[in-house]
């Protein structure tokens, strides 16, 4: 069981997700069709869980070491978040968006097959490694969706058809995503203390992660102190995503990050 089997699992999951989403849309007035669609969508998630579990067993470590492996976690978490939001609030567009983004990560991993050995450098053998990466992935997924909501809100605001429920949805997504970012920073500090002897070293990755955290904190501050300045808040939320992208993988290409302990290796 290794990455060479990924296409089989990825294609199987993708087919189940697309068929499930189609039945959910077709089953608007037919509960049985909608339930069948939900079942197929969840089955696709279970297929990916199976692949991750088998890969974890084969590698004898969590598949969280490299960008390819973290993309695999996005392929799992995005449809999970999408189906949870759909079941809770009935957002079909959210389910469609989560599936669209999942397909992007599936295609990237299909076009860039990667093979990894079982070993991990000593710093990555910390018990804080897995929770640090997982909460960041969840936070990034939530905040990525909040950006989509912000762009949609700016579009509606430009044409004078803005609705307050849009900003409320963005708020809820940011609050949840920001909570995960905060946990990620805390877990990362504990990990750094154990691995390198310091909670914070102003490593480029750490710095950009902190800037991202400040960006979303600014949004929360604006919403709390100036609730009527919706347009400004939406612009801040949209621009904060740029910081997130740099912190996630853009920093890997910066000259200052070449010696960073956070740059993913091949």
Foldseek 3Di string as FASTA:
>chain_A
DFLVCLVVLLVQLLVLLVCLLVQCVVCPPPPVSNVSSLVSNVVSLVSLVVVQVVHCVVLVHHQPFFPLSLLSVLLNVLQVVLSVCCVVPVPSVSNVVSSVVSVVSSVVCVVPPDGDHNDDDPLCVDPLNVLLSNLLSVLLSLLVVLLVLLVVQLVCVVVVNHDPVSVVSSVVSLVSSLVSLVVNLVSQLVSCCVRPNGSDDVQPLNVLSVVLSVLSVVLVVCCVPPVPPSNVSSVSSNVSVVSVVCSPQVVLPDPSNPPPPPRRDD
